[in-house]
N, C-alpha and C. Protein backbone atom coordinates (compact mmCIF):
# COMPACT_ATOMS: atom_id res chain seq x y z
N PRO A 1 -9.81 -18.33 9.84
CA PRO A 1 -11.12 -18.96 9.68
C PRO A 1 -11.00 -20.37 9.15
N VAL A 2 -11.91 -21.20 9.56
CA VAL A 2 -11.93 -22.58 9.11
C VAL A 2 -12.86 -22.67 7.91
N LEU A 3 -12.36 -23.26 6.83
CA LEU A 3 -13.15 -23.39 5.62
C LEU A 3 -13.55 -24.85 5.45
N ASP A 4 -14.83 -25.11 5.45
CA ASP A 4 -15.32 -26.46 5.21
C ASP A 4 -15.39 -26.70 3.71
N THR A 5 -14.82 -27.81 3.29
CA THR A 5 -14.89 -28.17 1.87
C THR A 5 -15.51 -29.54 1.74
N GLU A 6 -16.15 -29.74 0.62
CA GLU A 6 -16.75 -31.05 0.36
C GLU A 6 -15.68 -32.05 -0.01
N ASP A 7 -15.97 -33.31 0.20
CA ASP A 7 -15.00 -34.37 -0.07
C ASP A 7 -14.59 -34.41 -1.53
N ALA A 8 -15.51 -34.08 -2.43
CA ALA A 8 -15.20 -34.12 -3.86
C ALA A 8 -14.10 -33.12 -4.23
N TRP A 9 -14.01 -32.02 -3.52
CA TRP A 9 -13.02 -31.01 -3.84
C TRP A 9 -11.64 -31.36 -3.29
N LEU A 10 -11.53 -32.28 -2.36
CA LEU A 10 -10.24 -32.61 -1.77
C LEU A 10 -9.32 -33.32 -2.75
N SER A 11 -9.87 -34.05 -3.69
CA SER A 11 -9.04 -34.79 -4.64
C SER A 11 -8.73 -34.01 -5.91
N VAL A 12 -9.19 -32.78 -6.01
CA VAL A 12 -8.98 -31.97 -7.21
C VAL A 12 -7.53 -31.50 -7.24
N GLU A 13 -6.93 -31.61 -8.42
CA GLU A 13 -5.57 -31.14 -8.61
C GLU A 13 -5.60 -29.87 -9.43
N GLY A 14 -4.63 -29.05 -9.22
CA GLY A 14 -4.54 -27.81 -9.98
C GLY A 14 -3.95 -26.70 -9.12
N PRO A 15 -4.06 -25.48 -9.60
CA PRO A 15 -3.48 -24.37 -8.83
C PRO A 15 -4.24 -24.16 -7.52
N VAL A 16 -3.58 -23.51 -6.59
CA VAL A 16 -4.15 -23.23 -5.28
C VAL A 16 -5.30 -22.25 -5.45
N SER A 17 -6.37 -22.46 -4.70
CA SER A 17 -7.53 -21.58 -4.83
C SER A 17 -7.20 -20.19 -4.30
N ILE A 18 -7.95 -19.23 -4.77
CA ILE A 18 -7.71 -17.84 -4.37
C ILE A 18 -8.02 -17.64 -2.88
N VAL A 19 -8.94 -18.41 -2.35
CA VAL A 19 -9.27 -18.31 -0.93
C VAL A 19 -8.09 -18.75 -0.08
N GLU A 20 -7.46 -19.86 -0.47
CA GLU A 20 -6.30 -20.34 0.27
C GLU A 20 -5.13 -19.36 0.17
N LEU A 21 -4.96 -18.78 -1.01
CA LEU A 21 -3.91 -17.78 -1.17
C LEU A 21 -4.16 -16.57 -0.28
N ALA A 22 -5.40 -16.15 -0.20
CA ALA A 22 -5.75 -14.99 0.62
C ALA A 22 -5.51 -15.28 2.10
N LEU A 23 -5.83 -16.49 2.53
CA LEU A 23 -5.63 -16.84 3.93
C LEU A 23 -4.16 -16.94 4.30
N GLU A 24 -3.31 -17.23 3.33
CA GLU A 24 -1.88 -17.34 3.59
C GLU A 24 -1.19 -15.98 3.68
N GLN A 25 -1.84 -14.93 3.20
CA GLN A 25 -1.25 -13.60 3.23
C GLN A 25 -1.08 -13.11 4.66
N LYS A 26 -0.03 -12.35 4.89
CA LYS A 26 0.17 -11.73 6.21
C LYS A 26 -0.89 -10.67 6.42
N ARG A 27 -1.28 -10.46 7.64
CA ARG A 27 -2.25 -9.41 7.96
C ARG A 27 -1.56 -8.06 7.91
N ILE A 28 -2.28 -7.08 7.40
CA ILE A 28 -1.71 -5.74 7.32
C ILE A 28 -1.87 -5.02 8.65
N HIS A 29 -1.05 -4.04 8.85
CA HIS A 29 -1.11 -3.19 10.04
C HIS A 29 -2.00 -2.00 9.67
N TYR A 30 -3.24 -2.02 10.15
CA TYR A 30 -4.24 -1.06 9.68
C TYR A 30 -3.84 0.40 9.95
N PRO A 31 -3.28 0.75 11.11
CA PRO A 31 -2.87 2.15 11.29
C PRO A 31 -1.85 2.61 10.24
N LEU A 32 -1.03 1.71 9.76
CA LEU A 32 -0.08 2.07 8.72
C LEU A 32 -0.80 2.35 7.39
N VAL A 33 -1.84 1.58 7.12
CA VAL A 33 -2.65 1.83 5.92
C VAL A 33 -3.35 3.18 6.03
N GLU A 34 -3.87 3.50 7.21
CA GLU A 34 -4.50 4.82 7.42
C GLU A 34 -3.49 5.93 7.19
N HIS A 35 -2.28 5.72 7.66
CA HIS A 35 -1.21 6.71 7.49
C HIS A 35 -0.92 6.93 6.00
N GLN A 36 -0.87 5.85 5.24
CA GLN A 36 -0.68 5.95 3.79
C GLN A 36 -1.85 6.66 3.13
N PHE A 37 -3.06 6.38 3.62
CA PHE A 37 -4.27 7.01 3.08
C PHE A 37 -4.22 8.53 3.27
N VAL A 38 -3.73 8.98 4.42
CA VAL A 38 -3.62 10.42 4.68
C VAL A 38 -2.68 11.04 3.66
N LEU A 39 -1.55 10.39 3.40
CA LEU A 39 -0.60 10.92 2.41
C LEU A 39 -1.24 10.96 1.03
N CYS A 40 -1.95 9.91 0.65
CA CYS A 40 -2.60 9.89 -0.67
C CYS A 40 -3.64 11.00 -0.79
N THR A 41 -4.38 11.24 0.27
CA THR A 41 -5.39 12.29 0.26
C THR A 41 -4.74 13.66 0.14
N VAL A 42 -3.64 13.85 0.85
CA VAL A 42 -2.90 15.12 0.78
C VAL A 42 -2.38 15.33 -0.64
N LEU A 43 -1.79 14.29 -1.23
CA LEU A 43 -1.25 14.42 -2.59
C LEU A 43 -2.37 14.69 -3.61
N TYR A 44 -3.50 14.03 -3.42
CA TYR A 44 -4.60 14.23 -4.35
C TYR A 44 -5.16 15.64 -4.23
N ALA A 45 -5.26 16.15 -3.01
CA ALA A 45 -5.75 17.53 -2.83
C ALA A 45 -4.79 18.53 -3.47
N ILE A 46 -3.50 18.30 -3.33
CA ILE A 46 -2.51 19.19 -3.95
C ILE A 46 -2.65 19.17 -5.46
N MET A 47 -2.81 17.98 -6.02
CA MET A 47 -2.93 17.85 -7.47
C MET A 47 -4.25 18.43 -7.98
N ARG A 48 -5.33 18.08 -7.34
CA ARG A 48 -6.65 18.44 -7.83
C ARG A 48 -6.95 19.92 -7.70
N LEU A 49 -6.48 20.52 -6.59
CA LEU A 49 -6.76 21.93 -6.35
C LEU A 49 -5.61 22.83 -6.81
N SER A 50 -4.60 22.25 -7.44
CA SER A 50 -3.45 22.99 -7.98
C SER A 50 -2.80 23.88 -6.92
N LEU A 51 -2.51 23.30 -5.77
CA LEU A 51 -1.87 24.05 -4.69
C LEU A 51 -0.39 24.15 -4.97
N LYS A 52 0.13 25.35 -4.88
CA LYS A 52 1.54 25.59 -5.15
C LYS A 52 2.30 25.74 -3.83
N GLY A 53 3.54 25.34 -3.84
CA GLY A 53 4.42 25.55 -2.70
C GLY A 53 4.16 24.67 -1.50
N VAL A 54 3.45 23.57 -1.69
CA VAL A 54 3.19 22.66 -0.57
C VAL A 54 4.14 21.47 -0.70
N LYS A 55 4.85 21.20 0.37
CA LYS A 55 5.73 20.04 0.42
C LYS A 55 5.04 18.99 1.27
N PRO A 56 4.49 17.95 0.65
CA PRO A 56 3.66 16.99 1.39
C PRO A 56 4.37 16.29 2.54
N LEU A 57 5.64 15.95 2.37
CA LEU A 57 6.34 15.24 3.44
C LEU A 57 6.65 16.15 4.62
N SER A 58 6.59 17.46 4.43
CA SER A 58 6.83 18.36 5.56
C SER A 58 5.67 18.33 6.55
N LEU A 59 4.55 17.73 6.16
CA LEU A 59 3.39 17.63 7.05
C LEU A 59 3.53 16.48 8.05
N PHE A 60 4.61 15.71 7.94
CA PHE A 60 4.80 14.54 8.79
C PHE A 60 6.14 14.65 9.52
N ASP A 61 6.18 14.08 10.72
CA ASP A 61 7.44 14.07 11.47
C ASP A 61 8.33 12.93 10.97
N SER A 62 9.50 12.76 11.60
CA SER A 62 10.45 11.76 11.10
C SER A 62 9.91 10.34 11.20
N LYS A 63 9.17 10.01 12.27
CA LYS A 63 8.58 8.67 12.36
C LYS A 63 7.56 8.45 11.25
N GLY A 64 6.77 9.47 10.98
CA GLY A 64 5.77 9.37 9.93
C GLY A 64 6.39 9.22 8.56
N LYS A 65 7.46 9.93 8.30
CA LYS A 65 8.15 9.82 7.01
C LYS A 65 8.75 8.43 6.83
N ASN A 66 9.36 7.90 7.90
CA ASN A 66 9.96 6.57 7.81
C ASN A 66 8.92 5.49 7.59
N ALA A 67 7.73 5.67 8.13
CA ALA A 67 6.67 4.67 8.02
C ALA A 67 6.17 4.53 6.58
N PHE A 68 6.34 5.54 5.77
CA PHE A 68 5.86 5.47 4.39
C PHE A 68 6.61 4.44 3.55
N PHE A 69 7.82 4.14 3.94
CA PHE A 69 8.66 3.29 3.11
C PHE A 69 8.79 1.88 3.66
N LYS A 70 7.86 1.49 4.52
CA LYS A 70 7.88 0.17 5.12
C LYS A 70 6.76 -0.69 4.55
N ASP A 71 6.93 -2.00 4.69
CA ASP A 71 5.92 -2.95 4.25
C ASP A 71 4.65 -2.77 5.08
N LEU A 72 3.49 -2.87 4.44
CA LEU A 72 2.23 -2.66 5.15
C LEU A 72 1.93 -3.74 6.18
N THR A 73 2.64 -4.86 6.11
CA THR A 73 2.41 -5.93 7.09
C THR A 73 3.28 -5.76 8.33
N SER A 74 4.25 -4.85 8.28
CA SER A 74 5.14 -4.68 9.42
C SER A 74 4.51 -3.73 10.44
N ILE A 75 4.82 -3.97 11.68
CA ILE A 75 4.34 -3.10 12.75
C ILE A 75 5.36 -1.98 12.90
N GLN A 76 4.95 -0.78 12.59
CA GLN A 76 5.86 0.35 12.61
C GLN A 76 5.49 1.31 13.73
N LEU A 77 6.49 2.06 14.16
CA LEU A 77 6.23 3.13 15.10
C LEU A 77 5.64 4.29 14.32
N LEU A 78 4.41 4.61 14.64
CA LEU A 78 3.75 5.73 13.98
C LEU A 78 3.85 6.96 14.87
N PRO A 79 3.59 8.13 14.31
CA PRO A 79 3.68 9.35 15.11
C PRO A 79 2.78 9.27 16.34
N SER A 80 3.31 9.76 17.44
CA SER A 80 2.52 9.76 18.67
C SER A 80 1.71 11.05 18.74
N GLY A 81 1.09 11.29 19.87
CA GLY A 81 0.26 12.48 20.03
C GLY A 81 1.06 13.76 20.17
N ASP A 82 2.35 13.65 20.49
CA ASP A 82 3.20 14.84 20.64
C ASP A 82 3.70 15.27 19.27
N ILE A 83 3.31 16.48 18.87
CA ILE A 83 3.69 16.97 17.55
C ILE A 83 4.48 18.26 17.71
N ASP A 84 5.48 18.40 16.88
CA ASP A 84 6.27 19.62 16.86
C ASP A 84 5.36 20.78 16.44
N PRO A 85 5.43 21.92 17.15
CA PRO A 85 4.56 23.06 16.79
C PRO A 85 4.74 23.54 15.36
N ASN A 86 5.97 23.42 14.82
CA ASN A 86 6.19 23.84 13.43
C ASN A 86 5.44 22.93 12.46
N THR A 87 5.46 21.63 12.72
CA THR A 87 4.74 20.67 11.87
C THR A 87 3.25 20.91 11.98
N LEU A 88 2.77 21.17 13.18
CA LEU A 88 1.35 21.45 13.38
C LEU A 88 0.93 22.71 12.64
N SER A 89 1.79 23.71 12.65
CA SER A 89 1.51 24.95 11.93
C SER A 89 1.45 24.71 10.42
N LEU A 90 2.38 23.88 9.90
CA LEU A 90 2.37 23.56 8.47
C LEU A 90 1.11 22.81 8.08
N ARG A 91 0.67 21.88 8.94
CA ARG A 91 -0.56 21.14 8.68
C ARG A 91 -1.76 22.07 8.64
N GLN A 92 -1.79 22.97 9.60
CA GLN A 92 -2.91 23.92 9.66
C GLN A 92 -2.94 24.80 8.42
N GLN A 93 -1.79 25.31 8.02
CA GLN A 93 -1.72 26.15 6.81
C GLN A 93 -2.17 25.37 5.58
N PHE A 94 -1.76 24.10 5.50
CA PHE A 94 -2.15 23.28 4.36
C PHE A 94 -3.67 23.11 4.30
N LEU A 95 -4.28 22.77 5.41
CA LEU A 95 -5.73 22.56 5.42
C LEU A 95 -6.48 23.85 5.09
N LEU A 96 -5.98 24.98 5.56
CA LEU A 96 -6.62 26.25 5.24
C LEU A 96 -6.47 26.58 3.75
N LYS A 97 -5.32 26.19 3.17
CA LYS A 97 -5.13 26.38 1.72
C LYS A 97 -6.11 25.52 0.93
N VAL A 98 -6.33 24.29 1.40
CA VAL A 98 -7.27 23.40 0.72
C VAL A 98 -8.67 24.01 0.73
N VAL A 99 -9.09 24.51 1.89
CA VAL A 99 -10.42 25.10 2.00
C VAL A 99 -10.52 26.34 1.11
N SER A 100 -9.51 27.20 1.14
CA SER A 100 -9.54 28.42 0.32
C SER A 100 -9.60 28.09 -1.17
N ALA A 101 -8.79 27.13 -1.59
CA ALA A 101 -8.79 26.74 -3.01
C ALA A 101 -10.12 26.10 -3.40
N ALA A 102 -10.71 25.33 -2.50
CA ALA A 102 -12.00 24.69 -2.80
C ALA A 102 -13.09 25.74 -2.97
N VAL A 103 -13.11 26.72 -2.10
CA VAL A 103 -14.13 27.78 -2.20
C VAL A 103 -13.89 28.62 -3.44
N GLN A 104 -12.64 28.86 -3.75
CA GLN A 104 -12.32 29.64 -4.94
C GLN A 104 -12.77 28.93 -6.21
N THR A 105 -12.56 27.62 -6.30
CA THR A 105 -13.02 26.89 -7.48
C THR A 105 -14.54 26.78 -7.51
N LEU A 106 -15.17 26.75 -6.34
CA LEU A 106 -16.63 26.71 -6.27
C LEU A 106 -17.23 28.00 -6.80
N CYS A 107 -16.57 29.12 -6.52
CA CYS A 107 -17.10 30.43 -6.89
C CYS A 107 -16.59 30.94 -8.22
N SER A 108 -15.62 30.26 -8.83
CA SER A 108 -15.08 30.75 -10.10
C SER A 108 -16.09 30.55 -11.22
N PRO A 109 -16.11 31.46 -12.19
CA PRO A 109 -17.06 31.31 -13.30
C PRO A 109 -16.72 30.09 -14.14
N GLN A 110 -17.73 29.25 -14.38
CA GLN A 110 -17.49 28.03 -15.14
C GLN A 110 -17.91 28.16 -16.60
N LYS A 111 -18.48 29.28 -16.98
CA LYS A 111 -18.96 29.40 -18.36
C LYS A 111 -17.84 29.52 -19.38
N ASP A 112 -16.64 29.98 -18.95
CA ASP A 112 -15.55 30.13 -19.91
C ASP A 112 -14.74 28.85 -20.07
N ARG A 113 -15.12 27.79 -19.42
CA ARG A 113 -14.44 26.51 -19.60
C ARG A 113 -15.13 25.74 -20.72
N GLU A 114 -14.35 25.26 -21.68
CA GLU A 114 -14.95 24.53 -22.79
C GLU A 114 -15.41 23.14 -22.37
N VAL A 115 -14.60 22.45 -21.59
CA VAL A 115 -14.92 21.10 -21.15
C VAL A 115 -15.16 21.16 -19.65
N SER A 116 -16.27 20.59 -19.23
CA SER A 116 -16.59 20.65 -17.81
C SER A 116 -15.65 19.75 -17.01
N GLU A 117 -15.51 20.09 -15.73
CA GLU A 117 -14.64 19.30 -14.86
C GLU A 117 -15.20 17.90 -14.66
N GLU A 118 -16.50 17.76 -14.75
CA GLU A 118 -17.11 16.45 -14.54
C GLU A 118 -16.69 15.46 -15.62
N GLU A 119 -16.38 15.96 -16.81
CA GLU A 119 -15.91 15.07 -17.87
C GLU A 119 -14.50 14.57 -17.57
N TYR A 120 -13.66 15.44 -16.97
CA TYR A 120 -12.31 15.02 -16.60
C TYR A 120 -12.31 14.16 -15.35
N PHE A 121 -13.14 14.52 -14.38
CA PHE A 121 -13.17 13.85 -13.08
C PHE A 121 -14.59 13.42 -12.75
N PRO A 122 -15.15 12.43 -13.44
CA PRO A 122 -16.54 12.06 -13.22
C PRO A 122 -16.81 11.48 -11.84
N PHE A 123 -15.79 10.89 -11.21
CA PHE A 123 -15.97 10.29 -9.89
C PHE A 123 -16.05 11.33 -8.78
N GLU A 124 -15.81 12.60 -9.10
CA GLU A 124 -15.82 13.66 -8.10
C GLU A 124 -17.12 14.44 -8.08
N LYS A 125 -18.15 13.94 -8.67
CA LYS A 125 -19.36 14.72 -8.85
C LYS A 125 -19.86 15.34 -7.55
N GLY A 126 -19.85 14.60 -6.45
CA GLY A 126 -20.35 15.14 -5.20
C GLY A 126 -19.26 15.45 -4.19
N LYS A 127 -18.04 15.63 -4.65
CA LYS A 127 -16.90 15.83 -3.74
C LYS A 127 -17.02 17.16 -3.02
N ASN A 128 -16.93 17.11 -1.71
CA ASN A 128 -17.00 18.31 -0.89
C ASN A 128 -15.63 18.48 -0.23
N TRP A 129 -14.78 19.29 -0.83
CA TRP A 129 -13.42 19.44 -0.36
C TRP A 129 -13.32 20.03 1.04
N PRO A 130 -14.12 21.03 1.40
CA PRO A 130 -14.02 21.54 2.77
C PRO A 130 -14.35 20.48 3.82
N THR A 131 -15.33 19.62 3.54
CA THR A 131 -15.64 18.54 4.47
C THR A 131 -14.50 17.54 4.53
N LEU A 132 -13.90 17.26 3.39
CA LEU A 132 -12.74 16.37 3.36
C LEU A 132 -11.59 16.97 4.17
N ALA A 133 -11.39 18.29 4.07
CA ALA A 133 -10.33 18.94 4.85
C ALA A 133 -10.62 18.85 6.34
N ALA A 134 -11.88 18.98 6.73
CA ALA A 134 -12.24 18.84 8.14
C ALA A 134 -12.01 17.42 8.62
N ASP A 135 -12.33 16.44 7.79
CA ASP A 135 -12.07 15.05 8.16
C ASP A 135 -10.56 14.77 8.25
N LEU A 136 -9.82 15.36 7.34
CA LEU A 136 -8.37 15.19 7.34
C LEU A 136 -7.74 15.85 8.57
N ALA A 137 -8.39 16.89 9.07
CA ALA A 137 -7.89 17.58 10.26
C ALA A 137 -7.82 16.65 11.46
N GLN A 138 -8.76 15.72 11.55
CA GLN A 138 -8.73 14.75 12.65
C GLN A 138 -7.48 13.88 12.57
N TYR A 139 -7.13 13.42 11.38
CA TYR A 139 -5.94 12.59 11.21
C TYR A 139 -4.66 13.39 11.46
N LEU A 140 -4.67 14.66 11.05
CA LEU A 140 -3.47 15.49 11.18
C LEU A 140 -3.40 16.21 12.52
N GLN A 141 -4.36 15.96 13.39
CA GLN A 141 -4.41 16.51 14.74
C GLN A 141 -4.46 18.04 14.74
N VAL A 142 -5.25 18.58 13.82
CA VAL A 142 -5.51 20.01 13.75
C VAL A 142 -6.95 20.21 14.18
N SER A 143 -7.24 21.35 14.76
CA SER A 143 -8.58 21.63 15.23
C SER A 143 -9.56 21.66 14.05
N GLU A 144 -10.57 20.80 14.12
CA GLU A 144 -11.58 20.73 13.06
C GLU A 144 -12.40 22.02 13.03
N ASP A 145 -12.64 22.61 14.20
CA ASP A 145 -13.40 23.86 14.27
C ASP A 145 -12.69 24.99 13.55
N LEU A 146 -11.37 25.01 13.63
CA LEU A 146 -10.59 26.03 12.95
C LEU A 146 -10.80 25.94 11.44
N VAL A 147 -10.81 24.73 10.91
CA VAL A 147 -11.01 24.52 9.47
C VAL A 147 -12.42 24.94 9.07
N ARG A 148 -13.41 24.56 9.87
CA ARG A 148 -14.80 24.92 9.56
C ARG A 148 -15.02 26.44 9.63
N ARG A 149 -14.41 27.09 10.63
CA ARG A 149 -14.53 28.56 10.72
C ARG A 149 -13.91 29.24 9.52
N HIS A 150 -12.76 28.73 9.09
CA HIS A 150 -12.11 29.30 7.91
C HIS A 150 -12.99 29.11 6.67
N TYR A 151 -13.65 27.98 6.58
CA TYR A 151 -14.57 27.71 5.47
C TYR A 151 -15.70 28.73 5.45
N VAL A 152 -16.29 28.98 6.60
CA VAL A 152 -17.39 29.95 6.68
C VAL A 152 -16.89 31.34 6.32
N CYS A 153 -15.72 31.73 6.81
CA CYS A 153 -15.15 33.04 6.46
C CYS A 153 -14.90 33.16 4.97
N GLU A 154 -14.39 32.09 4.36
CA GLU A 154 -14.16 32.11 2.91
C GLU A 154 -15.47 32.24 2.14
N LEU A 155 -16.50 31.55 2.58
CA LEU A 155 -17.80 31.65 1.91
C LEU A 155 -18.33 33.08 1.98
N TYR A 156 -18.23 33.70 3.15
CA TYR A 156 -18.70 35.09 3.29
C TYR A 156 -17.86 36.04 2.44
N SER A 157 -16.55 35.80 2.36
CA SER A 157 -15.69 36.70 1.59
C SER A 157 -15.95 36.61 0.09
N TYR A 158 -16.46 35.46 -0.37
CA TYR A 158 -16.79 35.31 -1.79
C TYR A 158 -18.26 35.61 -2.08
N GLY A 159 -18.97 36.12 -1.10
CA GLY A 159 -20.37 36.51 -1.32
C GLY A 159 -21.34 35.35 -1.30
N MET A 160 -20.97 34.25 -0.75
CA MET A 160 -21.85 33.09 -0.66
C MET A 160 -22.47 33.03 0.74
N ASP A 161 -23.15 34.13 1.11
CA ASP A 161 -23.67 34.27 2.46
C ASP A 161 -24.66 33.16 2.83
N HIS A 162 -25.49 32.75 1.89
CA HIS A 162 -26.49 31.72 2.19
C HIS A 162 -25.81 30.39 2.56
N LEU A 163 -24.68 30.07 1.91
CA LEU A 163 -23.95 28.85 2.27
C LEU A 163 -23.21 29.03 3.60
N GLY A 164 -22.71 30.23 3.84
CA GLY A 164 -22.00 30.51 5.09
C GLY A 164 -22.91 30.41 6.29
N GLU A 165 -24.15 30.81 6.13
CA GLU A 165 -25.11 30.72 7.25
C GLU A 165 -25.41 29.27 7.58
N GLU A 166 -25.45 28.42 6.57
CA GLU A 166 -25.71 26.99 6.84
C GLU A 166 -24.59 26.41 7.64
C-alpha cells in the first residue's frame, strides 16, 4: 500500500514508524497459520477437557508435522487431501473423545466444586465444545455429521433428551 505523508513529517528524525516496520515484514503463509491454529485448538482441548492418552502429533501426517517447525512466512507443503486411514481413524477417535468429555463435564454435578470454572476460565463462558469439535472436523477432514451424531447420542445417554432433540 502507498502511504501518503505530509511534507512536515518527511523531515522528522527518529526511530522508524510502526507502520513502516509493519510494511517491511514478510507476508505470512495463511494456510500454515491455520495449520498451527488446528494444533493449538487440539492442545487446548486436551488440556481443558483433561483427555488422557491422546498424542496430538499423531493426528497429523509427516508433512503436517514438518510444517509445525517452519517459519510462518515460508511456503510449506501442507497435507494434501489424501490421508492415511490410520491417521483419519485417530482424528475421528479424538473428536469423539472431545465430544464425550464435553458432555460429561456439562452433565457432571457442579455443586461439589468450591470454585466455579468461570473463575478459572472466565473467557470460556459461552464455549460450546461439541460445536468446536464439529468445526475442527472440517480442518481434520473428518465427517462433521459423525461428530454431531455422536453428540446427540451422548446427550441422550446422559438423560439430556431435550438438548438431544434440538
